[in-house]
């Protein structure tokens, strides 16, 4: 039953997150080897490794402070869902350490609330 809500949730989240491409003076592409998405002029780059999930946050290439931010990532691997909090870990980083299933076929739904801003959601299809 809980999977019946997954498709509408992921579909809605994809509407608010769009892939980012380099444009005239607006390079929003990945800079750290991850996957980048732009939501409301903020670029979120997720670097997913089996032992760490790192989210880099920037605005037109300039770091965005993650101090006071609240964030979580939901990893969907087959029929498994794992929800992990991301903690501020530097000027513009959010981090979770542990053992994670990452790779082809895994989706990550990230929800981030930066200080003084409304929540943002982005979907990442891991490679």
N, C-alpha and C. Protein backbone atom coordinates (compact mmCIF):
# COMPACT_ATOMS: atom_id res chain seq x y z
N UNK A 1 0.80 -1.20 0.00
CA UNK A 1 0.00 0.00 0.00
C UNK A 1 0.85 1.26 0.00
N UNK A 2 1.95 1.26 0.76
CA UNK A 2 2.73 2.48 0.85
C UNK A 2 3.38 2.83 -0.49
N UNK A 3 3.51 1.86 -1.40
CA UNK A 3 4.10 2.15 -2.70
C UNK A 3 3.11 2.84 -3.64
N UNK A 4 1.81 2.79 -3.32
CA UNK A 4 0.83 3.46 -4.17
C UNK A 4 0.98 4.98 -4.11
N UNK A 5 1.54 5.48 -3.04
CA UNK A 5 1.76 6.93 -2.91
C UNK A 5 3.11 7.36 -3.47
N UNK A 6 3.99 6.40 -3.72
CA UNK A 6 5.33 6.71 -4.17
C UNK A 6 5.32 7.41 -5.53
N UNK A 7 4.59 6.88 -6.50
CA UNK A 7 4.59 7.46 -7.84
C UNK A 7 4.07 8.90 -7.85
N UNK A 8 2.91 9.18 -7.22
CA UNK A 8 2.47 10.58 -7.22
C UNK A 8 3.45 11.51 -6.51
N UNK A 9 4.06 11.04 -5.43
CA UNK A 9 5.03 11.86 -4.70
C UNK A 9 6.24 12.17 -5.57
N UNK A 10 6.79 11.14 -6.22
CA UNK A 10 7.95 11.35 -7.06
C UNK A 10 7.60 12.21 -8.27
N UNK A 11 6.42 12.00 -8.84
CA UNK A 11 5.99 12.80 -9.99
C UNK A 11 5.87 14.28 -9.61
N UNK A 12 5.27 14.55 -8.46
CA UNK A 12 5.12 15.94 -8.01
C UNK A 12 6.48 16.56 -7.74
N UNK A 13 7.38 15.79 -7.13
CA UNK A 13 8.70 16.33 -6.82
C UNK A 13 9.48 16.63 -8.09
N UNK A 14 9.29 15.82 -9.14
CA UNK A 14 10.00 16.09 -10.38
C UNK A 14 9.52 17.37 -11.04
N UNK A 15 8.29 17.77 -10.76
CA UNK A 15 7.79 19.02 -11.32
C UNK A 15 8.49 20.23 -10.71
N UNK A 16 8.92 20.11 -9.46
CA UNK A 16 9.58 21.25 -8.82
C UNK A 16 11.09 21.20 -8.95
N UNK A 17 11.62 20.11 -9.51
CA UNK A 17 13.07 20.05 -9.73
C UNK A 17 13.31 19.76 -11.20
N UNK A 18 14.23 20.51 -11.77
CA UNK A 18 14.53 20.33 -13.17
C UNK A 18 16.01 20.11 -13.33
N UNK A 19 16.39 19.30 -14.33
CA UNK A 19 17.82 19.14 -14.59
C UNK A 19 18.42 20.50 -14.94
N UNK A 20 19.68 20.68 -14.61
CA UNK A 20 20.31 21.96 -14.90
C UNK A 20 21.33 21.78 -16.01
N UNK A 21 21.40 22.76 -16.86
CA UNK A 21 22.32 22.75 -17.97
C UNK A 21 23.08 24.07 -17.99
N UNK A 22 24.25 24.02 -18.58
CA UNK A 22 25.03 25.25 -18.71
C UNK A 22 24.34 26.17 -19.69
N UNK A 23 24.21 27.41 -19.32
CA UNK A 23 23.61 28.39 -20.20
C UNK A 23 24.50 29.62 -20.21
N UNK A 24 24.09 30.61 -20.91
CA UNK A 24 24.88 31.83 -21.00
C UNK A 24 25.08 32.43 -19.62
N UNK A 25 26.27 32.26 -19.06
CA UNK A 25 26.60 32.84 -17.77
C UNK A 25 25.99 32.11 -16.58
N UNK A 26 25.36 30.97 -16.82
CA UNK A 26 24.69 30.25 -15.74
C UNK A 26 25.09 28.78 -15.76
N UNK A 27 26.28 28.47 -15.32
CA UNK A 27 26.74 27.09 -15.28
C UNK A 27 26.25 26.45 -13.99
N UNK A 28 25.21 25.65 -14.10
CA UNK A 28 24.64 24.96 -12.94
C UNK A 28 24.99 23.48 -12.96
N UNK A 29 25.92 23.08 -13.80
CA UNK A 29 26.28 21.67 -13.93
C UNK A 29 27.03 21.18 -12.70
N UNK A 30 27.19 19.86 -12.61
CA UNK A 30 27.90 19.28 -11.47
C UNK A 30 29.36 19.72 -11.43
N UNK A 31 29.82 20.01 -10.24
CA UNK A 31 31.20 20.45 -10.04
C UNK A 31 31.99 19.49 -9.15
N UNK A 32 31.29 18.55 -8.51
CA UNK A 32 31.93 17.66 -7.55
C UNK A 32 31.76 16.19 -7.90
N UNK A 33 31.37 15.91 -9.16
CA UNK A 33 31.23 14.53 -9.59
C UNK A 33 29.87 13.92 -9.28
N UNK A 34 28.91 14.75 -8.92
CA UNK A 34 27.58 14.24 -8.59
C UNK A 34 26.57 14.56 -9.67
N UNK A 35 25.32 14.68 -9.25
CA UNK A 35 24.22 15.02 -10.12
C UNK A 35 23.62 16.32 -9.60
N UNK A 36 23.41 17.29 -10.50
CA UNK A 36 22.94 18.61 -10.08
C UNK A 36 21.50 18.84 -10.52
N UNK A 37 20.76 19.52 -9.65
CA UNK A 37 19.39 19.96 -9.93
C UNK A 37 19.25 21.39 -9.43
N UNK A 38 18.48 22.18 -10.18
CA UNK A 38 18.23 23.56 -9.76
C UNK A 38 16.78 23.67 -9.32
N UNK A 39 16.58 24.26 -8.14
CA UNK A 39 15.24 24.50 -7.60
C UNK A 39 15.23 25.94 -7.08
N UNK A 40 14.34 26.76 -7.63
CA UNK A 40 14.20 28.16 -7.20
C UNK A 40 15.54 28.88 -7.17
N UNK A 41 16.30 28.77 -8.26
CA UNK A 41 17.60 29.45 -8.44
C UNK A 41 18.72 28.91 -7.56
N UNK A 42 18.49 27.86 -6.81
CA UNK A 42 19.53 27.25 -5.99
C UNK A 42 19.90 25.91 -6.62
N UNK A 43 21.20 25.66 -6.77
CA UNK A 43 21.67 24.40 -7.33
C UNK A 43 22.04 23.45 -6.20
N UNK A 44 21.50 22.23 -6.29
CA UNK A 44 21.79 21.17 -5.33
C UNK A 44 22.52 20.08 -6.10
N UNK A 45 23.73 19.75 -5.64
CA UNK A 45 24.48 18.66 -6.27
C UNK A 45 24.66 17.54 -5.27
N UNK A 46 24.10 16.38 -5.61
CA UNK A 46 24.19 15.22 -4.73
C UNK A 46 25.32 14.32 -5.20
N UNK A 47 26.25 14.06 -4.29
CA UNK A 47 27.32 13.09 -4.53
C UNK A 47 27.00 11.90 -3.63
N UNK A 48 26.63 10.79 -4.27
CA UNK A 48 26.20 9.59 -3.53
C UNK A 48 27.28 8.52 -3.62
N UNK A 49 27.80 8.17 -2.48
CA UNK A 49 28.80 7.11 -2.37
C UNK A 49 28.26 6.08 -1.37
N UNK A 50 28.76 4.85 -1.43
CA UNK A 50 28.24 3.82 -0.51
C UNK A 50 28.40 4.17 0.97
N UNK A 51 29.38 5.04 1.31
CA UNK A 51 29.61 5.36 2.72
C UNK A 51 29.23 6.80 3.09
N UNK A 52 28.78 7.60 2.11
CA UNK A 52 28.41 8.99 2.42
C UNK A 52 27.52 9.58 1.33
N UNK A 53 26.60 10.42 1.78
CA UNK A 53 25.77 11.21 0.88
C UNK A 53 26.10 12.68 1.16
N UNK A 54 26.56 13.40 0.15
CA UNK A 54 26.96 14.79 0.32
C UNK A 54 26.14 15.65 -0.63
N UNK A 55 25.54 16.70 -0.10
CA UNK A 55 24.77 17.64 -0.90
C UNK A 55 25.47 18.99 -0.87
N UNK A 56 25.91 19.45 -2.05
CA UNK A 56 26.55 20.76 -2.20
C UNK A 56 25.46 21.75 -2.61
N UNK A 57 25.43 22.93 -2.00
CA UNK A 57 24.39 23.92 -2.26
C UNK A 57 25.04 25.21 -2.74
N UNK A 58 24.57 25.71 -3.91
CA UNK A 58 25.15 26.94 -4.45
C UNK A 58 24.10 27.74 -5.21
N UNK A 59 24.42 29.00 -5.44
CA UNK A 59 23.57 29.90 -6.21
C UNK A 59 24.46 30.57 -7.25
N UNK A 60 24.33 30.17 -8.50
CA UNK A 60 25.15 30.69 -9.58
C UNK A 60 26.64 30.54 -9.27
N UNK A 61 27.02 29.38 -8.74
CA UNK A 61 28.41 29.09 -8.45
C UNK A 61 28.91 29.59 -7.12
N UNK A 62 28.10 30.38 -6.41
CA UNK A 62 28.52 30.89 -5.10
C UNK A 62 27.93 30.00 -4.01
N UNK A 63 28.73 29.66 -3.00
CA UNK A 63 28.23 28.80 -1.92
C UNK A 63 27.02 29.42 -1.21
N UNK A 64 26.07 28.57 -0.87
CA UNK A 64 24.90 28.98 -0.08
C UNK A 64 25.05 28.35 1.30
N UNK A 65 24.95 29.15 2.33
CA UNK A 65 25.13 28.66 3.69
C UNK A 65 24.10 27.59 4.03
N UNK A 66 24.57 26.53 4.65
CA UNK A 66 23.68 25.47 5.14
C UNK A 66 23.54 25.52 6.66
N UNK A 67 24.08 26.56 7.28
CA UNK A 67 23.95 26.71 8.72
C UNK A 67 22.46 26.84 9.05
N UNK A 68 21.98 26.04 9.97
CA UNK A 68 20.58 26.07 10.37
C UNK A 68 19.64 25.35 9.42
N UNK A 69 20.20 24.73 8.38
CA UNK A 69 19.36 24.01 7.41
C UNK A 69 18.88 22.69 7.98
N UNK A 70 17.72 22.27 7.49
CA UNK A 70 17.18 20.95 7.82
C UNK A 70 17.00 20.22 6.49
N UNK A 71 17.46 18.96 6.44
CA UNK A 71 17.37 18.23 5.18
C UNK A 71 17.32 16.73 5.44
N UNK A 72 16.72 16.03 4.47
CA UNK A 72 16.72 14.58 4.51
C UNK A 72 16.70 14.06 3.08
N UNK A 73 17.18 12.84 2.94
CA UNK A 73 17.15 12.17 1.65
C UNK A 73 16.45 10.83 1.83
N UNK A 74 15.54 10.53 0.91
CA UNK A 74 14.88 9.23 0.88
C UNK A 74 15.46 8.48 -0.31
N UNK A 75 16.11 7.35 -0.03
CA UNK A 75 16.69 6.52 -1.08
C UNK A 75 15.70 5.41 -1.42
N UNK A 76 15.41 5.25 -2.71
CA UNK A 76 14.51 4.21 -3.18
C UNK A 76 15.33 3.24 -4.03
N UNK A 77 15.55 2.03 -3.50
CA UNK A 77 16.30 0.99 -4.20
C UNK A 77 15.39 -0.23 -4.31
N UNK A 78 14.82 -0.44 -5.48
CA UNK A 78 13.86 -1.53 -5.63
C UNK A 78 12.66 -1.26 -4.75
N UNK A 79 12.32 -2.21 -3.90
CA UNK A 79 11.18 -2.06 -2.99
C UNK A 79 11.59 -1.50 -1.63
N UNK A 80 12.85 -1.14 -1.49
CA UNK A 80 13.34 -0.62 -0.21
C UNK A 80 13.38 0.91 -0.21
N UNK A 81 12.98 1.47 0.91
CA UNK A 81 13.07 2.92 1.11
C UNK A 81 13.87 3.17 2.38
N UNK A 82 14.87 4.01 2.28
CA UNK A 82 15.68 4.40 3.43
C UNK A 82 15.67 5.91 3.53
N UNK A 83 15.27 6.44 4.68
CA UNK A 83 15.25 7.89 4.90
C UNK A 83 16.38 8.24 5.85
N UNK A 84 17.20 9.21 5.43
CA UNK A 84 18.39 9.58 6.19
C UNK A 84 18.43 11.10 6.35
N UNK A 85 18.66 11.61 7.57
CA UNK A 85 18.83 13.05 7.73
C UNK A 85 20.20 13.48 7.21
N UNK A 86 20.24 14.67 6.63
CA UNK A 86 21.49 15.29 6.20
C UNK A 86 21.79 16.42 7.17
N UNK A 87 23.01 16.48 7.65
CA UNK A 87 23.41 17.48 8.63
C UNK A 87 24.35 18.50 8.00
N UNK A 88 24.26 19.78 8.41
CA UNK A 88 25.23 20.77 7.93
C UNK A 88 26.65 20.32 8.25
N UNK A 89 27.55 20.45 7.27
CA UNK A 89 28.92 19.96 7.45
C UNK A 89 29.91 20.87 6.73
N UNK A 90 29.76 22.15 6.88
CA UNK A 90 30.66 23.08 6.23
C UNK A 90 29.86 24.23 5.65
N UNK A 91 30.56 25.12 4.97
CA UNK A 91 29.95 26.34 4.47
C UNK A 91 28.67 26.08 3.65
N UNK A 92 28.75 25.15 2.71
CA UNK A 92 27.59 24.90 1.84
C UNK A 92 27.35 23.41 1.64
N UNK A 93 27.62 22.63 2.68
CA UNK A 93 27.48 21.18 2.58
C UNK A 93 26.46 20.63 3.56
N UNK A 94 25.78 19.58 3.12
CA UNK A 94 24.94 18.77 3.99
C UNK A 94 25.43 17.34 3.82
N UNK A 95 25.54 16.59 4.92
CA UNK A 95 26.22 15.29 4.86
C UNK A 95 25.52 14.25 5.71
N UNK A 96 25.54 13.01 5.22
CA UNK A 96 25.12 11.84 6.00
C UNK A 96 26.18 10.76 5.77
N UNK A 97 26.61 10.13 6.84
CA UNK A 97 27.56 9.02 6.73
C UNK A 97 26.86 7.74 7.15
N UNK A 98 27.26 6.65 6.54
CA UNK A 98 26.67 5.35 6.85
C UNK A 98 26.92 4.38 5.72
N UNK A 99 26.05 3.40 5.58
CA UNK A 99 26.13 2.42 4.49
C UNK A 99 24.88 2.58 3.65
N UNK A 100 25.04 2.98 2.39
CA UNK A 100 23.91 3.29 1.54
C UNK A 100 23.95 2.51 0.24
N UNK A 101 22.77 2.12 -0.23
CA UNK A 101 22.67 1.53 -1.56
C UNK A 101 22.63 2.68 -2.55
N UNK A 102 23.61 2.72 -3.43
CA UNK A 102 23.68 3.76 -4.45
C UNK A 102 24.01 3.07 -5.77
N UNK A 103 23.74 3.74 -6.86
CA UNK A 103 24.07 3.20 -8.17
C UNK A 103 22.87 3.21 -9.09
N UNK A 104 23.03 2.56 -10.23
CA UNK A 104 22.00 2.53 -11.27
C UNK A 104 20.69 1.99 -10.71
N UNK A 105 19.61 2.69 -11.01
CA UNK A 105 18.29 2.25 -10.58
C UNK A 105 17.85 2.80 -9.23
N UNK A 106 18.74 3.45 -8.52
CA UNK A 106 18.40 4.03 -7.21
C UNK A 106 17.98 5.48 -7.42
N UNK A 107 16.90 5.87 -6.76
CA UNK A 107 16.46 7.27 -6.80
C UNK A 107 16.64 7.88 -5.42
N UNK A 108 16.97 9.15 -5.41
CA UNK A 108 17.11 9.88 -4.16
C UNK A 108 16.18 11.09 -4.22
N UNK A 109 15.27 11.16 -3.25
CA UNK A 109 14.38 12.32 -3.13
C UNK A 109 14.89 13.16 -1.97
N UNK A 110 15.36 14.35 -2.27
CA UNK A 110 15.97 15.22 -1.26
C UNK A 110 15.01 16.36 -0.93
N UNK A 111 14.82 16.60 0.37
CA UNK A 111 14.04 17.75 0.83
C UNK A 111 14.96 18.60 1.69
N UNK A 112 15.06 19.88 1.33
CA UNK A 112 15.96 20.80 2.03
C UNK A 112 15.19 22.05 2.42
N UNK A 113 15.37 22.46 3.68
CA UNK A 113 14.84 23.74 4.13
C UNK A 113 16.02 24.57 4.62
N UNK A 114 16.40 25.56 3.81
CA UNK A 114 17.47 26.46 4.19
C UNK A 114 16.89 27.53 5.11
N UNK A 115 17.72 28.09 5.97
CA UNK A 115 17.27 29.11 6.91
C UNK A 115 16.57 30.25 6.17
N UNK A 116 15.34 30.54 6.59
CA UNK A 116 14.59 31.65 6.02
C UNK A 116 13.98 31.39 4.65
N UNK A 117 14.01 30.14 4.17
CA UNK A 117 13.47 29.83 2.85
C UNK A 117 12.45 28.69 2.97
N UNK A 118 11.54 28.61 2.00
CA UNK A 118 10.59 27.51 2.02
C UNK A 118 11.29 26.20 1.63
N UNK A 119 10.71 25.07 1.99
CA UNK A 119 11.31 23.77 1.63
C UNK A 119 11.45 23.62 0.12
N UNK A 120 12.52 22.95 -0.29
CA UNK A 120 12.76 22.64 -1.70
C UNK A 120 12.91 21.13 -1.82
N UNK A 121 12.42 20.58 -2.92
CA UNK A 121 12.53 19.15 -3.15
C UNK A 121 13.16 18.91 -4.52
N UNK A 122 14.01 17.88 -4.59
CA UNK A 122 14.64 17.51 -5.85
C UNK A 122 14.78 16.00 -5.91
N UNK A 123 14.63 15.46 -7.12
CA UNK A 123 14.78 14.03 -7.36
C UNK A 123 16.07 13.80 -8.15
N UNK A 124 16.84 12.82 -7.72
CA UNK A 124 18.08 12.47 -8.39
C UNK A 124 18.02 10.99 -8.77
N UNK A 125 18.21 10.69 -10.04
CA UNK A 125 18.34 9.30 -10.50
C UNK A 125 19.83 8.98 -10.52
N UNK A 126 20.25 8.12 -9.60
CA UNK A 126 21.68 7.85 -9.44
C UNK A 126 22.21 7.02 -10.60
N UNK A 127 23.47 7.19 -10.87
CA UNK A 127 24.14 6.47 -11.96
C UNK A 127 25.05 5.41 -11.40
